[in-house]
Amino acid sequence: ASLITGIEPPAEVESALAAINTAHNQVSSDISL
């Protein structure tokens, strides 16, 4: 078995990915409602 457990982005894009995830979660919440 191969057990790939983590995929880490570069430090310079971590904040951008966090913002994208927040926006995606908000959109998903609105869609669910």
ModelCIF file with pLDDT and N, C-alpha, C, O atoms, coordinates in Angstrom:
data_MODEL
#
_entry.id   MODEL 
#
_entity.id                         1 
_entity.type                       polymer 
_entity.pdbx_number_of_molecules   1 
#
_entity_poly.entity_id                      1 
_entity_poly.type                           'polypeptide(L)' 
_entity_poly.nstd_linkage                   no 
_entity_poly.nstd_monomer                   no 
_entity_poly.pdbx_seq_one_letter_code       ASLITGIEPPAEVESALAAINTAHNQVSSDISL 
_entity_poly.pdbx_seq_one_letter_code_can   ASLITGIEPPAEVESALAAINTAHNQVSSDISL 
_entity_poly.pdbx_strand_id                 A 
#
loop_
_entity_poly_seq.entity_id 
_entity_poly_seq.num 
_entity_poly_seq.mon_id 
_entity_poly_seq.hetero 
1 1  ALA n 
1 2  SER n 
1 3  LEU n 
1 4  ILE n 
1 5  THR n 
1 6  GLY n 
1 7  ILE n 
1 8  GLU n 
1 9  PRO n 
1 10 PRO n 
1 11 ALA n 
1 12 GLU n 
1 13 VAL n 
1 14 GLU n 
1 15 SER n 
1 16 ALA n 
1 17 LEU n 
1 18 ALA n 
1 19 ALA n 
1 20 ILE n 
1 21 ASN n 
1 22 THR n 
1 23 ALA n 
1 24 HIS n 
1 25 ASN n 
1 26 GLN n 
1 27 VAL n 
1 28 SER n 
1 29 SER n 
1 30 ASP n 
1 31 ILE n 
1 32 SER n 
1 33 LEU n 
#
_struct_asym.id          A 
_struct_asym.entity_id   1 
#
loop_
_ma_qa_metric.id 
_ma_qa_metric.mode 
_ma_qa_metric.name 
_ma_qa_metric.software_group_id 
_ma_qa_metric.type 
1 global pLDDT . pLDDT 
2 local  pLDDT . pLDDT 
#
_ma_qa_metric_global.metric_id      1 
_ma_qa_metric_global.metric_value   70.64 
_ma_qa_metric_global.model_id       1 
_ma_qa_metric_global.ordinal_id     1 
#
loop_
_ma_qa_metric_local.label_asym_id 
_ma_qa_metric_local.label_comp_id 
_ma_qa_metric_local.label_seq_id 
_ma_qa_metric_local.metric_id 
_ma_qa_metric_local.metric_value 
_ma_qa_metric_local.model_id 
_ma_qa_metric_local.ordinal_id 
A ALA 1  2 83.00 1 1  
A SER 2  2 84.00 1 2  
A LEU 3  2 87.00 1 3  
A ILE 4  2 87.00 1 4  
A THR 5  2 86.00 1 5  
A GLY 6  2 84.00 1 6  
A ILE 7  2 83.00 1 7  
A GLU 8  2 79.00 1 8  
A PRO 9  2 74.00 1 9  
A PRO 10 2 65.00 1 10 
A ALA 11 2 62.00 1 11 
A GLU 12 2 61.00 1 12 
A VAL 13 2 61.00 1 13 
A GLU 14 2 62.00 1 14 
A SER 15 2 63.00 1 15 
A ALA 16 2 59.00 1 16 
A LEU 17 2 61.00 1 17 
A ALA 18 2 61.00 1 18 
A ALA 19 2 62.00 1 19 
A ILE 20 2 62.00 1 20 
A ASN 21 2 60.00 1 21 
A THR 22 2 66.00 1 22 
A ALA 23 2 64.00 1 23 
A HIS 24 2 65.00 1 24 
A ASN 25 2 64.00 1 25 
A GLN 26 2 70.00 1 26 
A VAL 27 2 67.00 1 27 
A SER 28 2 68.00 1 28 
A SER 29 2 73.00 1 29 
A ASP 30 2 73.00 1 30 
A ILE 31 2 81.00 1 31 
A SER 32 2 78.00 1 32 
A LEU 33 2 76.00 1 33 
#
loop_
_atom_site.group_PDB 
_atom_site.id 
_atom_site.type_symbol 
_atom_site.label_atom_id 
_atom_site.label_alt_id 
_atom_site.label_comp_id 
_atom_site.label_asym_id 
_atom_site.label_entity_id 
_atom_site.label_seq_id 
_atom_site.pdbx_PDB_ins_code 
_atom_site.Cartn_x 
_atom_site.Cartn_y 
_atom_site.Cartn_z 
_atom_site.occupancy 
_atom_site.B_iso_or_equiv 
_atom_site.pdbx_formal_charge 
_atom_site.auth_seq_id 
_atom_site.auth_comp_id 
_atom_site.auth_asym_id 
_atom_site.auth_atom_id 
_atom_site.pdbx_PDB_model_num 
ATOM 1   N N  . ALA A 1 1  ? 0.845   -1.197 0.000  1.00 83.00 ? 1  ALA A N  1 
ATOM 2   C CA . ALA A 1 1  ? 0.000   0.000  0.000  1.00 83.00 ? 1  ALA A CA 1 
ATOM 3   C C  . ALA A 1 1  ? 0.875   1.239  0.000  1.00 83.00 ? 1  ALA A C  1 
ATOM 4   O O  . ALA A 1 1  ? 1.974   1.259  0.555  1.00 83.00 ? 1  ALA A O  1 
ATOM 5   N N  . SER A 1 2  ? 0.348   2.275  -0.644 1.00 84.00 ? 2  SER A N  1 
ATOM 6   C CA . SER A 1 2  ? 0.956   3.603  -0.554 1.00 84.00 ? 2  SER A CA 1 
ATOM 7   C C  . SER A 1 2  ? 0.044   4.464  0.311  1.00 84.00 ? 2  SER A C  1 
ATOM 8   O O  . SER A 1 2  ? -1.165  4.527  0.090  1.00 84.00 ? 2  SER A O  1 
ATOM 9   N N  . LEU A 1 3  ? 0.636   5.117  1.286  1.00 87.00 ? 3  LEU A N  1 
ATOM 10  C CA . LEU A 1 3  ? -0.138  5.899  2.252  1.00 87.00 ? 3  LEU A CA 1 
ATOM 11  C C  . LEU A 1 3  ? 0.305   7.352  2.184  1.00 87.00 ? 3  LEU A C  1 
ATOM 12  O O  . LEU A 1 3  ? 1.067   7.819  3.030  1.00 87.00 ? 3  LEU A O  1 
ATOM 13  N N  . ILE A 1 4  ? -0.181  8.065  1.167  1.00 87.00 ? 4  ILE A N  1 
ATOM 14  C CA . ILE A 1 4  ? 0.114   9.498  1.039  1.00 87.00 ? 4  ILE A CA 1 
ATOM 15  C C  . ILE A 1 4  ? -0.821  10.229 1.997  1.00 87.00 ? 4  ILE A C  1 
ATOM 16  O O  . ILE A 1 4  ? -2.041  10.204 1.831  1.00 87.00 ? 4  ILE A O  1 
ATOM 17  N N  . THR A 1 5  ? -0.243  10.871 2.987  1.00 86.00 ? 5  THR A N  1 
ATOM 18  C CA . THR A 1 5  ? -1.054  11.460 4.057  1.00 86.00 ? 5  THR A CA 1 
ATOM 19  C C  . THR A 1 5  ? -1.101  12.979 4.031  1.00 86.00 ? 5  THR A C  1 
ATOM 20  O O  . THR A 1 5  ? -2.017  13.561 4.611  1.00 86.00 ? 5  THR A O  1 
ATOM 21  N N  . GLY A 1 6  ? -0.153  13.643 3.384  1.00 84.00 ? 6  GLY A N  1 
ATOM 22  C CA . GLY A 1 6  ? -0.126  15.104 3.416  1.00 84.00 ? 6  GLY A CA 1 
ATOM 23  C C  . GLY A 1 6  ? 0.348   15.714 2.119  1.00 84.00 ? 6  GLY A C  1 
ATOM 24  O O  . GLY A 1 6  ? 1.284   15.222 1.488  1.00 84.00 ? 6  GLY A O  1 
ATOM 25  N N  . ILE A 1 7  ? -0.309  16.796 1.726  1.00 83.00 ? 7  ILE A N  1 
ATOM 26  C CA . ILE A 1 7  ? 0.094   17.577 0.554  1.00 83.00 ? 7  ILE A CA 1 
ATOM 27  C C  . ILE A 1 7  ? 0.149   19.032 0.997  1.00 83.00 ? 7  ILE A C  1 
ATOM 28  O O  . ILE A 1 7  ? -0.888  19.655 1.228  1.00 83.00 ? 7  ILE A O  1 
ATOM 29  N N  . GLU A 1 8  ? 1.351   19.571 1.115  1.00 79.00 ? 8  GLU A N  1 
ATOM 30  C CA . GLU A 1 8  ? 1.537   20.911 1.642  1.00 79.00 ? 8  GLU A CA 1 
ATOM 31  C C  . GLU A 1 8  ? 1.909   21.880 0.526  1.00 79.00 ? 8  GLU A C  1 
ATOM 32  O O  . GLU A 1 8  ? 2.802   21.590 -0.271 1.00 79.00 ? 8  GLU A O  1 
ATOM 33  N N  . PRO A 1 9  ? 1.229   23.039 0.459  1.00 74.00 ? 9  PRO A N  1 
ATOM 34  C CA . PRO A 1 9  ? 1.532   24.031 -0.577 1.00 74.00 ? 9  PRO A CA 1 
ATOM 35  C C  . PRO A 1 9  ? 2.743   24.869 -0.179 1.00 74.00 ? 9  PRO A C  1 
ATOM 36  O O  . PRO A 1 9  ? 3.173   24.820 0.974  1.00 74.00 ? 9  PRO A O  1 
ATOM 37  N N  . PRO A 1 10 ? 3.298   25.637 -1.117 1.00 65.00 ? 10 PRO A N  1 
ATOM 38  C CA . PRO A 1 10 ? 4.375   26.560 -0.772 1.00 65.00 ? 10 PRO A CA 1 
ATOM 39  C C  . PRO A 1 10 ? 3.886   27.609 0.221  1.00 65.00 ? 10 PRO A C  1 
ATOM 40  O O  . PRO A 1 10 ? 2.700   27.938 0.252  1.00 65.00 ? 10 PRO A O  1 
ATOM 41  N N  . ALA A 1 11 ? 4.802   28.131 1.031  1.00 62.00 ? 11 ALA A N  1 
ATOM 42  C CA . ALA A 1 11 ? 4.425   29.104 2.055  1.00 62.00 ? 11 ALA A CA 1 
ATOM 43  C C  . ALA A 1 11 ? 3.808   30.354 1.455  1.00 62.00 ? 11 ALA A C  1 
ATOM 44  O O  . ALA A 1 11 ? 2.918   30.952 2.060  1.00 62.00 ? 11 ALA A O  1 
ATOM 45  N N  . GLU A 1 12 ? 4.269   30.765 0.261  1.00 61.00 ? 12 GLU A N  1 
ATOM 46  C CA . GLU A 1 12 ? 3.786   32.016 -0.323 1.00 61.00 ? 12 GLU A CA 1 
ATOM 47  C C  . GLU A 1 12 ? 2.352   31.931 -0.824 1.00 61.00 ? 12 GLU A C  1 
ATOM 48  O O  . GLU A 1 12 ? 1.723   32.965 -1.049 1.00 61.00 ? 12 GLU A O  1 
ATOM 49  N N  . VAL A 1 13 ? 1.816   30.719 -1.008 1.00 61.00 ? 13 VAL A N  1 
ATOM 50  C CA . VAL A 1 13 ? 0.439   30.592 -1.492 1.00 61.00 ? 13 VAL A CA 1 
ATOM 51  C C  . VAL A 1 13 ? -0.494  30.045 -0.412 1.00 61.00 ? 13 VAL A C  1 
ATOM 52  O O  . VAL A 1 13 ? -1.685  29.855 -0.657 1.00 61.00 ? 13 VAL A O  1 
ATOM 53  N N  . GLU A 1 14 ? 0.041   29.793 0.773  1.00 62.00 ? 14 GLU A N  1 
ATOM 54  C CA . GLU A 1 14 ? -0.781  29.245 1.848  1.00 62.00 ? 14 GLU A CA 1 
ATOM 55  C C  . GLU A 1 14 ? -1.934  30.170 2.204  1.00 62.00 ? 14 GLU A C  1 
ATOM 56  O O  . GLU A 1 14 ? -3.068  29.720 2.367  1.00 62.00 ? 14 GLU A O  1 
ATOM 57  N N  . SER A 1 15 ? -1.643  31.486 2.329  1.00 63.00 ? 15 SER A N  1 
ATOM 58  C CA . SER A 1 15 ? -2.696  32.444 2.688  1.00 63.00 ? 15 SER A CA 1 
ATOM 59  C C  . SER A 1 15 ? -3.739  32.545 1.588  1.00 63.00 ? 15 SER A C  1 
ATOM 60  O O  . SER A 1 15 ? -4.935  32.653 1.861  1.00 63.00 ? 15 SER A O  1 
ATOM 61  N N  . ALA A 1 16 ? -3.272  32.509 0.320  1.00 59.00 ? 16 ALA A N  1 
ATOM 62  C CA . ALA A 1 16 ? -4.219  32.575 -0.801 1.00 59.00 ? 16 ALA A CA 1 
ATOM 63  C C  . ALA A 1 16 ? -5.132  31.358 -0.805 1.00 59.00 ? 16 ALA A C  1 
ATOM 64  O O  . ALA A 1 16 ? -6.332  31.483 -1.050 1.00 59.00 ? 16 ALA A O  1 
ATOM 65  N N  . LEU A 1 17 ? -4.577  30.190 -0.536 1.00 61.00 ? 17 LEU A N  1 
ATOM 66  C CA . LEU A 1 17 ? -5.396  28.981 -0.490 1.00 61.00 ? 17 LEU A CA 1 
ATOM 67  C C  . LEU A 1 17 ? -6.390  29.032 0.662  1.00 61.00 ? 17 LEU A C  1 
ATOM 68  O O  . LEU A 1 17 ? -7.521  28.560 0.543  1.00 61.00 ? 17 LEU A O  1 
ATOM 69  N N  . ALA A 1 18 ? -5.954  29.614 1.782  1.00 61.00 ? 18 ALA A N  1 
ATOM 70  C CA . ALA A 1 18 ? -6.871  29.748 2.914  1.00 61.00 ? 18 ALA A CA 1 
ATOM 71  C C  . ALA A 1 18 ? -8.047  30.637 2.553  1.00 61.00 ? 18 ALA A C  1 
ATOM 72  O O  . ALA A 1 18 ? -9.187  30.344 2.912  1.00 61.00 ? 18 ALA A O  1 
ATOM 73  N N  . ALA A 1 19 ? -7.764  31.747 1.828  1.00 62.00 ? 19 ALA A N  1 
ATOM 74  C CA . ALA A 1 19 ? -8.846  32.637 1.399  1.00 62.00 ? 19 ALA A CA 1 
ATOM 75  C C  . ALA A 1 19 ? -9.778  31.932 0.424  1.00 62.00 ? 19 ALA A C  1 
ATOM 76  O O  . ALA A 1 19 ? -10.997 32.092 0.494  1.00 62.00 ? 19 ALA A O  1 
ATOM 77  N N  . ILE A 1 20 ? -9.201  31.152 -0.483 1.00 62.00 ? 20 ILE A N  1 
ATOM 78  C CA . ILE A 1 20 ? -10.021 30.408 -1.442 1.00 62.00 ? 20 ILE A CA 1 
ATOM 79  C C  . ILE A 1 20 ? -10.906 29.406 -0.718 1.00 62.00 ? 20 ILE A C  1 
ATOM 80  O O  . ILE A 1 20 ? -12.083 29.253 -1.043 1.00 62.00 ? 20 ILE A O  1 
ATOM 81  N N  . ASN A 1 21 ? -10.329 28.721 0.269  1.00 60.00 ? 21 ASN A N  1 
ATOM 82  C CA . ASN A 1 21 ? -11.104 27.743 1.021  1.00 60.00 ? 21 ASN A CA 1 
ATOM 83  C C  . ASN A 1 21 ? -12.251 28.404 1.783  1.00 60.00 ? 21 ASN A C  1 
ATOM 84  O O  . ASN A 1 21 ? -13.353 27.861 1.855  1.00 60.00 ? 21 ASN A O  1 
ATOM 85  N N  . THR A 1 22 ? -11.978 29.595 2.357  1.00 66.00 ? 22 THR A N  1 
ATOM 86  C CA . THR A 1 22 ? -13.027 30.310 3.081  1.00 66.00 ? 22 THR A CA 1 
ATOM 87  C C  . THR A 1 22 ? -14.168 30.693 2.143  1.00 66.00 ? 22 THR A C  1 
ATOM 88  O O  . THR A 1 22 ? -15.342 30.494 2.453  1.00 66.00 ? 22 THR A O  1 
ATOM 89  N N  . ALA A 1 23 ? -13.791 31.256 0.970  1.00 64.00 ? 23 ALA A N  1 
ATOM 90  C CA . ALA A 1 23 ? -14.813 31.634 -0.004 1.00 64.00 ? 23 ALA A CA 1 
ATOM 91  C C  . ALA A 1 23 ? -15.582 30.414 -0.500 1.00 64.00 ? 23 ALA A C  1 
ATOM 92  O O  . ALA A 1 23 ? -16.799 30.462 -0.681 1.00 64.00 ? 23 ALA A O  1 
ATOM 93  N N  . HIS A 1 24 ? -14.855 29.323 -0.717 1.00 65.00 ? 24 HIS A N  1 
ATOM 94  C CA . HIS A 1 24 ? -15.519 28.100 -1.187 1.00 65.00 ? 24 HIS A CA 1 
ATOM 95  C C  . HIS A 1 24 ? -16.495 27.574 -0.138 1.00 65.00 ? 24 HIS A C  1 
ATOM 96  O O  . HIS A 1 24 ? -17.600 27.142 -0.469 1.00 65.00 ? 24 HIS A O  1 
ATOM 97  N N  . ASN A 1 25 ? -16.085 27.612 1.116  1.00 64.00 ? 25 ASN A N  1 
ATOM 98  C CA . ASN A 1 25 ? -16.972 27.146 2.188  1.00 64.00 ? 25 ASN A CA 1 
ATOM 99  C C  . ASN A 1 25 ? -18.228 28.012 2.292  1.00 64.00 ? 25 ASN A C  1 
ATOM 100 O O  . ASN A 1 25 ? -19.325 27.504 2.526  1.00 64.00 ? 25 ASN A O  1 
ATOM 101 N N  . GLN A 1 26 ? -18.053 29.346 2.113  1.00 70.00 ? 26 GLN A N  1 
ATOM 102 C CA . GLN A 1 26 ? -19.198 30.244 2.167  1.00 70.00 ? 26 GLN A CA 1 
ATOM 103 C C  . GLN A 1 26 ? -20.170 29.967 1.032  1.00 70.00 ? 26 GLN A C  1 
ATOM 104 O O  . GLN A 1 26 ? -21.384 29.916 1.224  1.00 70.00 ? 26 GLN A O  1 
ATOM 105 N N  . VAL A 1 27 ? -19.598 29.787 -0.167 1.00 67.00 ? 27 VAL A N  1 
ATOM 106 C CA . VAL A 1 27 ? -20.440 29.486 -1.328 1.00 67.00 ? 27 VAL A CA 1 
ATOM 107 C C  . VAL A 1 27 ? -21.157 28.146 -1.131 1.00 67.00 ? 27 VAL A C  1 
ATOM 108 O O  . VAL A 1 27 ? -22.341 28.018 -1.439 1.00 67.00 ? 27 VAL A O  1 
ATOM 109 N N  . SER A 1 28 ? -20.431 27.157 -0.617 1.00 68.00 ? 28 SER A N  1 
ATOM 110 C CA . SER A 1 28 ? -21.043 25.857 -0.379 1.00 68.00 ? 28 SER A CA 1 
ATOM 111 C C  . SER A 1 28 ? -22.170 25.963 0.635  1.00 68.00 ? 28 SER A C  1 
ATOM 112 O O  . SER A 1 28 ? -23.211 25.322 0.489  1.00 68.00 ? 28 SER A O  1 
ATOM 113 N N  . SER A 1 29 ? -21.954 26.790 1.680  1.00 73.00 ? 29 SER A N  1 
ATOM 114 C CA . SER A 1 29 ? -22.999 26.982 2.682  1.00 73.00 ? 29 SER A CA 1 
ATOM 115 C C  . SER A 1 29 ? -24.231 27.631 2.070  1.00 73.00 ? 29 SER A C  1 
ATOM 116 O O  . SER A 1 29 ? -25.355 27.201 2.329  1.00 73.00 ? 29 SER A O  1 
ATOM 117 N N  . ASP A 1 30 ? -24.023 28.680 1.246  1.00 73.00 ? 30 ASP A N  1 
ATOM 118 C CA . ASP A 1 30 ? -25.155 29.345 0.595  1.00 73.00 ? 30 ASP A CA 1 
ATOM 119 C C  . ASP A 1 30 ? -25.906 28.386 -0.326 1.00 73.00 ? 30 ASP A C  1 
ATOM 120 O O  . ASP A 1 30 ? -27.137 28.380 -0.368 1.00 73.00 ? 30 ASP A O  1 
ATOM 121 N N  . ILE A 1 31 ? -25.149 27.582 -1.057 1.00 81.00 ? 31 ILE A N  1 
ATOM 122 C CA . ILE A 1 31 ? -25.784 26.613 -1.955 1.00 81.00 ? 31 ILE A CA 1 
ATOM 123 C C  . ILE A 1 31 ? -26.593 25.592 -1.160 1.00 81.00 ? 31 ILE A C  1 
ATOM 124 O O  . ILE A 1 31 ? -27.693 25.212 -1.561 1.00 81.00 ? 31 ILE A O  1 
ATOM 125 N N  . SER A 1 32 ? -26.043 25.154 -0.039 1.00 78.00 ? 32 SER A N  1 
ATOM 126 C CA . SER A 1 32 ? -26.753 24.183 0.794  1.00 78.00 ? 32 SER A CA 1 
ATOM 127 C C  . SER A 1 32 ? -28.048 24.765 1.341  1.00 78.00 ? 32 SER A C  1 
ATOM 128 O O  . SER A 1 32 ? -29.081 24.096 1.352  1.00 78.00 ? 32 SER A O  1 
ATOM 129 N N  . LEU A 1 33 ? -27.990 26.041 1.805  1.00 76.00 ? 33 LEU A N  1 
ATOM 130 C CA . LEU A 1 33 ? -29.192 26.683 2.322  1.00 76.00 ? 33 LEU A CA 1 
ATOM 131 C C  . LEU A 1 33 ? -30.242 26.844 1.225  1.00 76.00 ? 33 LEU A C  1 
ATOM 132 O O  . LEU A 1 33 ? -31.326 27.369 1.481  1.00 76.00 ? 33 LEU A O  1 
#
